[in-house]
Amino acid sequence: MTLAVLALFAVVLFGLPLGLLARVGLTDGAVPSLAPLIEALGKSSVQKAAWNSLESSALSGLAATVIGSVLALVVGLSDVRAKGPLVFALLLPMMIPPQVTAIAWVQALGPSSVVLGTLGIAPPPGSPHPLYTPFGVMLLLTVQHMPLVLLVVLAALRSLPREIVEAARIAGARPARMIRRVILPLLAPSLVAGFMLAFVSALGNFGILAILGIPARYTTLPVLIWRRLSSFGPSVLTDVAVISILLAAVALVAVTLSIRLQKRMRAAVVGPPQPPLRIALGRARPVVEAGLLAYVAATLVLPLTALTATALVRTYGLPLSADTVTLDNFAEILFRQASTVRAFANSTLAAGAAAFVLAGLSIATGYFLSDRRSRLGRQAGGTLQALADVSYAIPGLVISIAFILAFIRPLPLLNLSIYNTLTIIFLAYLTAFLSVALKPVAAAYGQLDPSLDEAARVSGAGFARRMWRIFAPLTAPAAASGAILVFLTAYNEVTVSALLWSTGNETIGTSIFNYEDGGYTTLAAALSCVTVLATTVLMVALDRFGRRLPPGVVPWRT
């Protein structure tokens, strides 16, 4: 019964949408053909958008890899103090919605910056904004996705046997030489994985690419899809399906290359993982710590301060003073604007329901992944895990287009339409974020003794009883951790819901984007501040809860 439910889930939420996307984008007159894709690639607008997507993703991914690796080496191998709060602060930009990141930086550095205006150092009125350039787009993509690389490299450092590093030190290698000749070669697969994570995330990023790219006339594939779908027309779905397939193909090629490169670079190490080496920085420690704090101040404190200052003034561009400060913007979005109240309710409901459902689904899937007795169960669990990983790698806008194609018509037999409802956003979240929920649960199952299942079977316990009395309680902490990560990700996202929302079914991410796009900058800033506060509170709660979980379940805990 459980296998049948998993199979139905895989067909309805993975196979059907993505299959329809492929059929619409890769057929010509109901005959499989690459002609639509070739025709799209022949258009100058698609070529330019594809090049911009590759350029911004590759360069920002490279910069994120360099910065994230350096920060991971400093935090993971040295004796800098307060590592826990430092890692938390370095990873916080990853959980802040990209549209909020873009708005915060725009308000921090532009001619109308409240902070710069208050300090008297704002650029002259009418000056071009420094971030409305391709460089500005890549800068913010780097800031947004650097924490992904930091997470990957920190995890790799924790898994390296300490004996290797100790042997290098005994042989007389200084820290710089040891890192260059020993540690970095062993980290090569993780560096490739970090780069590809940053590359794929930047490829599908919509908030930053729309808010900065449109004024800069730097159109990428996600923005082109959004513009095409907004233009309507008889062939709009076919056009965006073809572009979506192109975007998905680039992402999948990148992931495939990453896997192959990691296999070729992987070197076998001997010995169990141990705490990484703590290199004493000596007199340089205060300087290094000051540099880390400066990075946090530049990438986190400055934009969030500007965001808060903008939310507290009556009109965007006024300096912050006793005469201009007001809480009216917060009162407007929290109590007067019906759309934002609905957005908070909709995002909480959709993200919460998706987190709850995926937690239960992950517990069931994880069991079959670790089941040594049933080959069919392992295959079913492995197939669903592979589909989840592929869907997570595919940009969210592609998932949106696939769901539009699958559910734009009423459901057969039921004659019920879920298009333009909150249900379609909820279902898209299930597809997009299953991988996030499944990974910690799969890791938790890997730590369980297989004899537990065998003993329960011998005692006569059926599948349902074994799951309810044994495996669900044992994996519940990891499932709860994954559920909170899903909620954090879905609560703030805009990429998946950008094309699926409708009046009455707004989400927080789309509301922030619509306010900024419509020129209501102070309201966008106020709503962004509330979102950042909610995200931080949830991350702190997960951090406290993570003390009872195995290492690695909560990614930022050292």
Protein backbone atom coordinates (compact mmCIF):
# COMPACT_ATOMS: atom_id res chain seq x y z
CA MET A 1 0.00 0.00 0.00
CA THR A 2 2.77 2.44 0.96
CA LEU A 3 4.72 1.61 -2.19
CA ALA A 4 1.60 2.27 -4.25
CA VAL A 5 1.19 5.69 -2.62
CA LEU A 6 4.84 6.54 -3.31
CA ALA A 7 4.44 5.42 -6.93
CA LEU A 8 1.29 7.54 -7.35
CA PHE A 9 3.10 10.52 -5.81
CA ALA A 10 6.01 10.07 -8.21
CA VAL A 11 3.74 9.82 -11.26
CA VAL A 12 1.41 12.73 -10.42
CA LEU A 13 3.91 15.24 -9.08
CA PHE A 14 7.06 14.34 -11.00
CA GLY A 15 6.31 12.26 -14.07
CA LEU A 16 3.15 14.00 -15.29
CA PRO A 17 4.27 17.68 -15.08
CA LEU A 18 7.79 17.11 -16.38
CA GLY A 19 6.55 14.68 -19.03
CA LEU A 20 4.04 17.22 -20.33
CA LEU A 21 6.74 19.87 -20.37
CA ALA A 22 8.93 17.63 -22.51
CA ARG A 23 6.02 16.75 -24.81
CA VAL A 24 5.04 20.37 -25.42
CA GLY A 25 8.60 21.62 -25.86
CA LEU A 26 10.06 18.70 -27.80
CA THR A 27 7.34 17.83 -30.28
CA ASP A 28 6.44 19.24 -33.67
CA GLY A 29 2.95 18.32 -34.80
CA ALA A 30 2.66 15.57 -32.13
CA VAL A 31 5.91 14.03 -33.44
CA PRO A 32 9.03 14.03 -31.21
CA SER A 33 11.38 16.64 -32.61
CA LEU A 34 14.16 19.00 -31.61
CA ALA A 35 12.90 21.55 -34.13
CA PRO A 36 11.18 23.79 -31.50
CA LEU A 37 14.37 23.85 -29.43
CA ILE A 38 16.54 24.60 -32.46
CA GLU A 39 14.13 27.33 -33.57
CA ALA A 40 14.23 28.91 -30.11
CA LEU A 41 18.03 28.84 -30.08
CA GLY A 42 18.00 30.68 -33.40
CA LYS A 43 16.28 33.71 -31.86
CA SER A 44 18.58 36.51 -30.77
CA SER A 45 16.59 37.18 -27.58
CA VAL A 46 16.98 33.57 -26.44
CA GLN A 47 20.66 33.49 -27.40
CA LYS A 48 21.36 36.66 -25.45
CA ALA A 49 19.39 35.49 -22.42
CA ALA A 50 21.12 32.09 -22.50
CA TRP A 51 24.55 33.71 -22.67
CA ASN A 52 23.69 36.10 -19.83
CA SER A 53 22.46 33.16 -17.73
CA LEU A 54 25.63 31.18 -18.34
CA GLU A 55 27.88 34.19 -17.77
CA SER A 56 26.24 35.36 -14.54
CA SER A 57 25.94 31.83 -13.14
CA ALA A 58 29.50 30.78 -14.01
CA LEU A 59 31.25 33.94 -12.80
CA SER A 60 29.17 34.30 -9.64
CA GLY A 61 29.58 30.57 -8.95
CA LEU A 62 33.35 30.87 -9.32
CA ALA A 63 33.47 33.89 -7.01
CA ALA A 64 31.22 32.14 -4.47
CA THR A 65 33.50 29.08 -4.58
CA VAL A 66 36.64 31.12 -3.92
CA ILE A 67 35.11 33.19 -1.10
CA GLY A 68 33.23 30.28 0.46
CA SER A 69 36.28 28.02 0.40
CA VAL A 70 38.52 30.65 2.01
CA LEU A 71 35.95 31.32 4.74
CA ALA A 72 35.46 27.58 5.32
CA LEU A 73 39.21 27.01 5.67
CA VAL A 74 39.55 29.89 8.11
CA VAL A 75 36.56 28.83 10.22
CA GLY A 76 37.16 25.10 9.95
CA LEU A 77 40.93 24.92 10.47
CA SER A 78 41.89 27.90 12.61
CA ASP A 79 41.32 28.90 16.23
CA VAL A 80 39.04 31.87 15.55
CA ARG A 81 36.56 32.42 18.36
CA ALA A 82 32.75 32.25 18.41
CA LYS A 83 32.57 29.86 15.46
CA GLY A 84 28.91 28.97 16.04
CA PRO A 85 27.50 32.52 15.83
CA LEU A 86 29.97 33.34 13.04
CA VAL A 87 28.85 30.43 10.87
CA PHE A 88 25.21 31.31 11.60
CA ALA A 89 25.80 34.90 10.44
CA LEU A 90 27.69 33.77 7.33
CA LEU A 91 24.87 31.40 6.35
CA LEU A 92 21.97 33.76 7.05
CA PRO A 93 22.10 35.42 3.58
CA MET A 94 21.31 32.02 2.05
CA MET A 95 17.98 31.86 3.91
CA ILE A 96 16.99 35.45 3.13
CA PRO A 97 14.79 35.53 0.00
CA PRO A 98 16.75 36.66 -3.07
CA GLN A 99 14.23 39.41 -3.82
CA VAL A 100 14.76 40.75 -0.28
CA THR A 101 18.53 40.59 -0.78
CA ALA A 102 18.21 42.57 -4.00
CA ILE A 103 15.89 45.18 -2.47
CA ALA A 104 18.15 45.60 0.58
CA TRP A 105 21.27 46.16 -1.52
CA VAL A 106 19.47 48.52 -3.90
CA GLN A 107 18.34 50.60 -0.94
CA ALA A 108 21.78 50.46 0.68
CA LEU A 109 23.86 51.82 -2.21
CA GLY A 110 21.62 53.91 -4.47
CA PRO A 111 21.28 57.69 -4.69
CA SER A 112 18.08 57.44 -2.63
CA SER A 113 19.70 55.33 0.11
CA VAL A 114 18.30 56.32 3.48
CA VAL A 115 21.47 55.23 5.28
CA LEU A 116 23.85 57.04 2.91
CA GLY A 117 21.56 60.06 2.87
CA THR A 118 21.51 60.21 6.66
CA LEU A 119 25.31 60.02 6.70
CA GLY A 120 25.52 62.66 3.97
CA ILE A 121 27.47 60.45 1.54
CA ALA A 122 24.73 59.43 -0.89
CA PRO A 123 25.52 59.79 -4.61
CA PRO A 124 24.03 62.87 -6.29
CA PRO A 125 20.34 62.56 -7.28
CA GLY A 126 19.96 61.14 -10.76
CA SER A 127 23.21 59.17 -10.60
CA PRO A 128 23.01 55.69 -12.11
CA HIS A 129 22.61 52.99 -9.51
CA PRO A 130 25.89 51.04 -9.18
CA LEU A 131 24.05 47.71 -8.92
CA TYR A 132 22.00 48.10 -12.10
CA THR A 133 24.78 46.49 -14.10
CA PRO A 134 25.83 42.94 -14.96
CA PHE A 135 28.51 43.25 -12.28
CA GLY A 136 25.85 44.16 -9.71
CA VAL A 137 23.82 41.10 -10.67
CA MET A 138 26.84 38.83 -10.28
CA LEU A 139 27.86 40.47 -7.00
CA LEU A 140 24.52 39.75 -5.37
CA LEU A 141 24.36 36.24 -6.79
CA THR A 142 27.76 35.64 -5.20
CA VAL A 143 26.60 36.93 -1.81
CA GLN A 144 23.40 34.88 -2.00
CA HIS A 145 25.03 31.57 -2.92
CA MET A 146 28.40 31.73 -1.18
CA PRO A 147 26.90 30.03 1.93
CA LEU A 148 26.16 26.92 -0.17
CA VAL A 149 29.87 26.52 -0.88
CA LEU A 150 30.70 27.27 2.75
CA LEU A 151 28.39 24.46 3.89
CA VAL A 152 29.83 21.92 1.46
CA VAL A 153 33.47 22.68 2.28
CA LEU A 154 32.86 22.76 6.04
CA ALA A 155 31.21 19.34 5.84
CA ALA A 156 34.16 18.01 3.82
CA LEU A 157 36.64 19.35 6.36
CA ARG A 158 34.79 17.56 9.16
CA SER A 159 35.02 14.28 7.25
CA LEU A 160 38.80 14.37 6.67
CA PRO A 161 40.85 12.11 8.96
CA ARG A 162 43.05 14.27 11.13
CA GLU A 163 45.99 11.89 10.79
CA ILE A 164 46.63 13.11 7.23
CA VAL A 165 47.06 16.70 8.37
CA GLU A 166 49.11 15.66 11.39
CA ALA A 167 51.45 13.67 9.15
CA ALA A 168 52.02 16.71 6.97
CA ARG A 169 52.81 18.82 10.02
CA ILE A 170 55.25 16.24 11.38
CA ALA A 171 56.96 16.24 7.98
CA GLY A 172 57.60 19.97 8.48
CA ALA A 173 54.90 21.46 6.24
CA ARG A 174 53.84 24.94 7.23
CA PRO A 175 50.08 25.72 7.30
CA ALA A 176 50.04 27.42 3.88
CA ARG A 177 51.92 24.57 2.20
CA MET A 178 49.85 21.95 4.03
CA ILE A 179 46.62 23.54 2.82
CA ARG A 180 47.91 23.87 -0.76
CA ARG A 181 49.51 20.42 -1.10
CA VAL A 182 47.35 18.22 1.16
CA ILE A 183 43.99 19.68 2.10
CA LEU A 184 42.93 21.37 -1.15
CA PRO A 185 43.60 18.27 -3.32
CA LEU A 186 41.47 16.22 -0.93
CA LEU A 187 38.77 18.90 -1.04
CA ALA A 188 38.71 19.05 -4.85
CA PRO A 189 35.48 17.00 -5.24
CA SER A 190 33.76 19.19 -2.64
CA LEU A 191 34.96 22.36 -4.35
CA VAL A 192 33.47 21.13 -7.64
CA ALA A 193 30.23 20.25 -5.85
CA GLY A 194 30.11 23.69 -4.22
CA PHE A 195 30.70 25.44 -7.54
CA MET A 196 27.95 23.46 -9.24
CA LEU A 197 25.52 24.15 -6.40
CA ALA A 198 26.21 27.87 -6.70
CA PHE A 199 26.03 27.69 -10.51
CA VAL A 200 22.68 25.87 -10.62
CA SER A 201 21.21 28.08 -7.87
CA ALA A 202 22.26 31.23 -9.74
CA LEU A 203 20.91 29.80 -12.99
CA GLY A 204 17.38 29.57 -11.57
CA ASN A 205 17.48 32.63 -9.31
CA PHE A 206 14.59 34.92 -10.19
CA GLY A 207 14.42 37.60 -7.50
CA ILE A 208 17.89 39.07 -8.00
CA LEU A 209 17.85 38.61 -11.78
CA ALA A 210 14.50 40.40 -12.09
CA ILE A 211 14.99 43.28 -9.63
CA LEU A 212 18.52 44.12 -10.82
CA GLY A 213 18.60 42.60 -14.29
CA ILE A 214 15.53 44.32 -15.73
CA PRO A 215 16.73 47.89 -14.96
CA ALA A 216 20.20 46.89 -16.17
CA ARG A 217 18.73 45.43 -19.39
CA TYR A 218 20.52 42.22 -18.53
CA THR A 219 17.88 39.63 -19.37
CA THR A 220 18.45 36.01 -18.36
CA LEU A 221 16.42 32.90 -19.14
CA PRO A 222 14.25 33.01 -15.95
CA VAL A 223 13.35 36.65 -16.61
CA LEU A 224 12.69 35.89 -20.28
CA ILE A 225 10.30 33.08 -19.27
CA TRP A 226 8.47 35.43 -16.89
CA ARG A 227 8.17 38.11 -19.56
CA ARG A 228 6.95 35.69 -22.22
CA LEU A 229 4.31 34.21 -19.93
CA SER A 230 3.16 37.70 -18.91
CA SER A 231 2.67 38.69 -22.58
CA PHE A 232 -0.03 36.06 -23.21
CA GLY A 233 -0.76 35.05 -26.83
CA PRO A 234 -1.81 31.78 -28.50
CA SER A 235 1.63 30.16 -28.48
CA VAL A 236 2.91 31.48 -25.16
CA LEU A 237 2.88 28.12 -23.35
CA THR A 238 4.78 26.43 -26.15
CA ASP A 239 7.35 29.23 -26.21
CA VAL A 240 7.97 29.20 -22.46
CA ALA A 241 8.01 25.38 -22.43
CA VAL A 242 10.82 25.37 -24.97
CA ILE A 243 12.82 27.98 -23.04
CA SER A 244 12.16 26.09 -19.80
CA ILE A 245 13.53 22.89 -21.32
CA LEU A 246 16.64 24.80 -22.38
CA LEU A 247 17.08 26.11 -18.83
CA ALA A 248 16.50 22.67 -17.35
CA ALA A 249 18.94 21.09 -19.80
CA VAL A 250 21.71 23.48 -18.79
CA ALA A 251 21.09 22.71 -15.11
CA LEU A 252 21.07 18.94 -15.65
CA VAL A 253 24.23 19.04 -17.77
CA ALA A 254 25.96 21.01 -15.01
CA VAL A 255 24.89 18.50 -12.36
CA THR A 256 25.98 15.55 -14.53
CA LEU A 257 29.40 17.10 -15.17
CA SER A 258 29.74 17.81 -11.46
CA ILE A 259 29.09 14.18 -10.55
CA ARG A 260 31.58 12.89 -13.10
CA LEU A 261 34.28 15.35 -12.06
CA GLN A 262 33.80 14.47 -8.41
CA LYS A 263 34.23 10.77 -9.18
CA ARG A 264 37.44 11.42 -11.10
CA MET A 265 38.87 13.69 -8.42
CA ARG A 266 37.90 11.62 -5.40
CA ALA A 267 40.84 10.20 -3.50
CA ALA A 268 40.45 7.40 -0.95
CA VAL A 269 41.39 8.34 2.60
CA VAL A 270 42.10 6.00 5.48
CA GLY A 271 40.86 6.51 9.00
CA PRO A 272 37.66 7.64 10.71
CA PRO A 273 36.56 11.28 10.56
CA GLN A 274 37.80 13.34 13.49
CA PRO A 275 37.55 16.97 14.58
CA PRO A 276 39.58 19.08 12.13
CA LEU A 277 42.87 20.62 13.06
CA ARG A 278 42.88 23.96 14.87
CA ILE A 279 45.76 26.00 13.47
CA ALA A 280 46.85 28.66 15.94
CA LEU A 281 46.80 32.06 14.28
CA GLY A 282 48.75 33.76 17.07
CA ARG A 283 49.00 37.51 16.64
CA ALA A 284 47.13 37.31 13.36
CA ARG A 285 43.94 36.07 15.04
CA PRO A 286 42.51 39.54 15.84
CA VAL A 287 43.19 40.64 12.27
CA VAL A 288 41.51 37.55 10.82
CA GLU A 289 38.53 37.93 13.15
CA ALA A 290 38.23 41.60 12.20
CA GLY A 291 38.22 40.60 8.53
CA LEU A 292 35.45 38.07 9.16
CA LEU A 293 33.39 40.64 11.03
CA ALA A 294 33.96 43.15 8.23
CA TYR A 295 32.65 40.63 5.69
CA VAL A 296 29.54 39.99 7.81
CA ALA A 297 29.03 43.74 8.23
CA ALA A 298 29.37 44.41 4.49
CA THR A 299 27.19 41.54 3.27
CA LEU A 300 24.60 41.34 6.05
CA VAL A 301 24.54 44.27 8.44
CA LEU A 302 24.75 47.08 5.85
CA PRO A 303 21.93 45.90 3.55
CA LEU A 304 19.66 44.93 6.44
CA THR A 305 20.28 48.28 8.11
CA ALA A 306 19.37 50.05 4.88
CA LEU A 307 16.26 47.88 4.54
CA THR A 308 15.14 48.73 8.07
CA ALA A 309 15.87 52.43 7.59
CA THR A 310 13.82 52.50 4.37
CA ALA A 311 10.92 50.80 6.14
CA LEU A 312 10.98 53.47 8.86
CA VAL A 313 10.75 56.60 6.67
CA ARG A 314 7.57 58.13 5.27
CA THR A 315 8.86 58.36 1.69
CA TYR A 316 11.74 56.59 0.02
CA GLY A 317 14.76 58.88 -0.29
CA LEU A 318 14.21 60.90 2.89
CA PRO A 319 17.00 60.80 5.48
CA LEU A 320 16.19 59.04 8.74
CA SER A 321 15.47 61.56 11.46
CA ALA A 322 12.99 62.25 14.26
CA ASP A 323 10.77 64.10 11.76
CA THR A 324 10.71 61.37 9.11
CA VAL A 325 10.66 58.18 11.19
CA THR A 326 7.33 56.31 11.27
CA LEU A 327 5.91 52.85 11.88
CA ASP A 328 3.09 53.46 9.44
CA ASN A 329 4.63 51.22 6.77
CA PHE A 330 4.60 48.27 9.15
CA ALA A 331 1.04 49.04 10.22
CA GLU A 332 0.05 49.22 6.55
CA ILE A 333 1.39 45.82 5.57
CA LEU A 334 0.44 44.05 8.81
CA PHE A 335 -3.06 45.41 9.46
CA ARG A 336 -4.43 47.47 6.57
CA GLN A 337 -3.36 45.75 3.37
CA ALA A 338 -5.61 42.73 2.84
CA SER A 339 -3.24 41.30 0.22
CA THR A 340 -0.26 41.13 2.58
CA VAL A 341 -2.34 39.61 5.37
CA ARG A 342 -3.47 36.96 2.88
CA ALA A 343 0.13 36.51 1.73
CA PHE A 344 1.30 35.72 5.27
CA ALA A 345 -1.59 33.28 5.74
CA ASN A 346 -1.09 31.67 2.32
CA SER A 347 2.69 31.25 2.71
CA THR A 348 2.31 29.87 6.23
CA LEU A 349 -0.38 27.43 5.11
CA ALA A 350 1.30 26.26 1.89
CA ALA A 351 4.81 26.04 3.36
CA GLY A 352 3.59 24.46 6.60
CA ALA A 353 1.45 21.87 4.82
CA ALA A 354 4.28 21.02 2.42
CA ALA A 355 6.73 20.65 5.33
CA PHE A 356 4.33 18.36 7.22
CA VAL A 357 3.52 16.15 4.23
CA LEU A 358 7.16 15.90 3.12
CA ALA A 359 8.26 14.95 6.64
CA GLY A 360 5.91 11.95 6.60
CA LEU A 361 6.79 11.09 3.03
CA SER A 362 10.50 11.23 3.84
CA ILE A 363 10.11 8.82 6.76
CA ALA A 364 8.40 6.30 4.48
CA THR A 365 10.82 6.81 1.58
CA GLY A 366 13.86 6.62 3.86
CA TYR A 367 12.70 3.25 5.15
CA PHE A 368 12.58 1.76 1.68
CA LEU A 369 15.94 3.31 0.80
CA SER A 370 17.55 1.44 3.71
CA ASP A 371 15.49 -1.78 3.41
CA ARG A 372 17.88 -4.63 2.61
CA ARG A 373 15.17 -7.27 2.34
CA SER A 374 13.05 -5.82 -0.46
CA ARG A 375 14.69 -5.09 -3.79
CA LEU A 376 11.46 -3.57 -5.11
CA GLY A 377 11.28 -1.25 -2.10
CA ARG A 378 14.86 -0.09 -2.56
CA GLN A 379 14.25 0.55 -6.26
CA ALA A 380 11.08 2.52 -5.53
CA GLY A 381 12.78 4.59 -2.84
CA GLY A 382 15.85 5.15 -5.02
CA THR A 383 13.70 6.22 -7.97
CA LEU A 384 11.79 8.74 -5.86
CA GLN A 385 15.05 10.05 -4.39
CA ALA A 386 16.50 10.48 -7.89
CA LEU A 387 13.37 12.30 -9.06
CA ALA A 388 13.56 14.55 -6.00
CA ASP A 389 17.21 15.40 -6.65
CA VAL A 390 16.52 16.15 -10.33
CA SER A 391 13.55 18.36 -9.45
CA TYR A 392 15.62 20.24 -6.88
CA ALA A 393 18.35 20.83 -9.47
CA ILE A 394 15.84 22.12 -12.03
CA PRO A 395 15.10 25.86 -11.56
CA GLY A 396 11.81 26.65 -9.84
CA LEU A 397 10.39 28.49 -12.86
CA VAL A 398 10.68 25.28 -14.87
CA ILE A 399 8.68 23.45 -12.18
CA SER A 400 6.07 26.23 -12.40
CA ILE A 401 5.72 25.91 -16.16
CA ALA A 402 5.43 22.12 -15.85
CA PHE A 403 2.63 22.46 -13.30
CA ILE A 404 0.80 25.01 -15.45
CA LEU A 405 0.86 22.58 -18.36
CA ALA A 406 -0.27 19.69 -16.14
CA PHE A 407 -3.07 21.41 -14.25
CA ILE A 408 -4.29 24.29 -16.42
CA ARG A 409 -7.31 22.13 -17.34
CA PRO A 410 -9.76 20.70 -14.76
CA LEU A 411 -8.78 17.38 -13.23
CA PRO A 412 -10.26 14.42 -15.11
CA LEU A 413 -13.19 12.60 -13.47
CA LEU A 414 -13.38 15.21 -10.69
CA ASN A 415 -13.93 18.13 -13.10
CA LEU A 416 -12.16 20.30 -10.53
CA SER A 417 -9.60 22.95 -11.42
CA ILE A 418 -6.66 23.69 -9.10
CA TYR A 419 -5.13 26.24 -11.46
CA ASN A 420 -5.05 29.75 -9.94
CA THR A 421 -5.49 28.26 -6.46
CA LEU A 422 -3.20 27.82 -3.49
CA THR A 423 -3.34 24.06 -4.04
CA ILE A 424 -1.18 24.18 -7.15
CA ILE A 425 1.48 26.16 -5.26
CA PHE A 426 1.36 23.59 -2.44
CA LEU A 427 1.79 20.70 -4.90
CA ALA A 428 4.66 22.50 -6.64
CA TYR A 429 6.36 22.87 -3.23
CA LEU A 430 6.09 19.11 -2.72
CA THR A 431 7.90 18.52 -6.00
CA ALA A 432 10.51 21.23 -5.58
CA PHE A 433 11.52 20.59 -1.95
CA LEU A 434 11.26 16.83 -1.37
CA SER A 435 15.03 16.54 -1.69
CA VAL A 436 15.50 19.05 1.17
CA ALA A 437 13.27 17.01 3.49
CA LEU A 438 14.62 13.59 2.46
CA LYS A 439 18.36 14.09 2.97
CA PRO A 440 18.44 14.40 6.80
CA VAL A 441 15.97 11.51 7.16
CA ALA A 442 18.02 9.27 4.86
CA ALA A 443 21.10 10.10 6.94
CA ALA A 444 19.21 9.21 10.13
CA TYR A 445 18.16 5.83 8.69
CA GLY A 446 21.80 5.15 7.81
CA GLN A 447 22.69 5.31 11.51
CA LEU A 448 20.04 2.77 12.58
CA ASP A 449 20.88 -0.87 13.22
CA PRO A 450 19.16 -3.14 10.62
CA SER A 451 18.49 -5.66 13.40
CA LEU A 452 15.74 -3.38 14.71
CA ASP A 453 13.60 -4.15 11.69
CA GLU A 454 14.43 -7.85 11.81
CA ALA A 455 13.54 -8.11 15.51
CA ALA A 456 10.22 -6.37 14.93
CA ARG A 457 9.40 -8.71 12.04
CA VAL A 458 10.21 -11.77 14.14
CA SER A 459 7.90 -10.42 16.86
CA GLY A 460 5.07 -10.30 14.31
CA ALA A 461 4.83 -6.53 13.86
CA GLY A 462 3.39 -5.47 10.54
CA PHE A 463 4.71 -2.66 8.39
CA ALA A 464 2.39 0.00 9.82
CA ARG A 465 3.17 -0.99 13.40
CA ARG A 466 6.92 -1.03 12.76
CA MET A 467 6.80 2.42 11.24
CA TRP A 468 4.59 3.85 14.00
CA ARG A 469 6.31 2.31 17.01
CA ILE A 470 9.97 2.10 15.89
CA PHE A 471 11.11 4.04 12.86
CA ALA A 472 8.92 7.13 13.04
CA PRO A 473 10.00 7.96 16.64
CA LEU A 474 13.67 7.29 15.86
CA THR A 475 13.74 9.42 12.71
CA ALA A 476 11.29 12.09 13.90
CA PRO A 477 14.03 14.56 14.99
CA ALA A 478 15.69 14.40 11.56
CA ALA A 479 12.29 14.61 9.86
CA ALA A 480 11.42 17.66 11.96
CA SER A 481 14.73 19.26 11.04
CA GLY A 482 14.07 18.64 7.34
CA ALA A 483 10.53 19.96 7.72
CA ILE A 484 11.79 23.20 9.25
CA LEU A 485 14.30 23.60 6.41
CA VAL A 486 11.48 23.02 3.89
CA PHE A 487 9.31 25.58 5.67
CA LEU A 488 12.12 28.14 5.72
CA THR A 489 12.80 27.63 2.01
CA ALA A 490 9.17 27.57 0.86
CA TYR A 491 7.99 30.35 3.16
CA ASN A 492 10.23 32.92 1.50
CA GLU A 493 10.56 31.64 -2.06
CA VAL A 494 9.44 33.53 -5.15
CA THR A 495 10.83 31.40 -7.98
CA VAL A 496 8.23 28.62 -7.80
CA SER A 497 5.20 30.81 -7.05
CA ALA A 498 6.11 33.69 -9.40
CA LEU A 499 4.08 32.14 -12.23
CA LEU A 500 1.50 30.25 -10.14
CA TRP A 501 0.06 32.92 -7.85
CA SER A 502 -3.19 34.74 -8.52
CA THR A 503 -5.27 37.40 -6.79
CA GLY A 504 -6.30 35.98 -3.45
CA ASN A 505 -3.48 33.42 -3.51
CA GLU A 506 -0.48 35.70 -3.09
CA THR A 507 2.62 34.53 -1.23
CA ILE A 508 5.07 36.60 0.76
CA GLY A 509 7.72 36.35 -1.95
CA THR A 510 5.40 37.49 -4.74
CA SER A 511 3.98 40.29 -2.56
CA ILE A 512 7.44 41.71 -1.88
CA PHE A 513 8.33 41.50 -5.57
CA ASN A 514 5.04 43.12 -6.63
CA TYR A 515 5.45 45.98 -4.15
CA GLU A 516 8.95 46.72 -5.40
CA ASP A 517 7.97 46.31 -9.03
CA GLY A 518 5.03 48.68 -8.52
CA GLY A 519 7.15 51.40 -6.91
CA TYR A 520 5.93 50.92 -3.31
CA THR A 521 9.48 50.76 -2.01
CA THR A 522 8.82 51.54 1.66
CA LEU A 523 6.07 48.89 1.86
CA ALA A 524 8.36 46.35 0.16
CA ALA A 525 11.05 47.19 2.73
CA ALA A 526 8.65 46.82 5.66
CA LEU A 527 7.38 43.46 4.43
CA SER A 528 10.96 42.34 3.81
CA CYS A 529 11.96 43.28 7.38
CA VAL A 530 9.14 41.19 8.81
CA THR A 531 10.16 38.28 6.58
CA VAL A 532 13.82 38.49 7.63
CA LEU A 533 12.80 38.60 11.29
CA ALA A 534 10.58 35.53 10.90
CA THR A 535 13.37 33.69 9.06
CA THR A 536 15.91 34.51 11.75
CA VAL A 537 13.59 33.39 14.55
CA LEU A 538 12.95 30.07 12.79
CA MET A 539 16.68 29.52 12.19
CA VAL A 540 17.43 30.22 15.87
CA ALA A 541 14.69 27.76 16.88
CA LEU A 542 16.15 25.12 14.57
CA ASP A 543 19.61 25.82 15.95
CA ARG A 544 18.42 25.23 19.51
CA PHE A 545 16.49 22.14 18.46
CA GLY A 546 19.56 20.90 16.59
CA ARG A 547 21.48 20.38 19.84
CA ARG A 548 19.57 17.10 20.27
CA LEU A 549 20.19 15.94 16.70
CA PRO A 550 23.15 14.03 15.20
CA PRO A 551 25.97 16.17 13.77
CA GLY A 552 25.28 17.44 10.27
CA VAL A 553 21.47 17.38 10.45
CA VAL A 554 21.35 21.12 11.14
CA PRO A 555 23.79 22.36 8.48
CA TRP A 556 25.23 25.40 10.22
CA ARG A 557 25.95 23.80 13.61
CA THR A 558 29.70 23.25 14.06
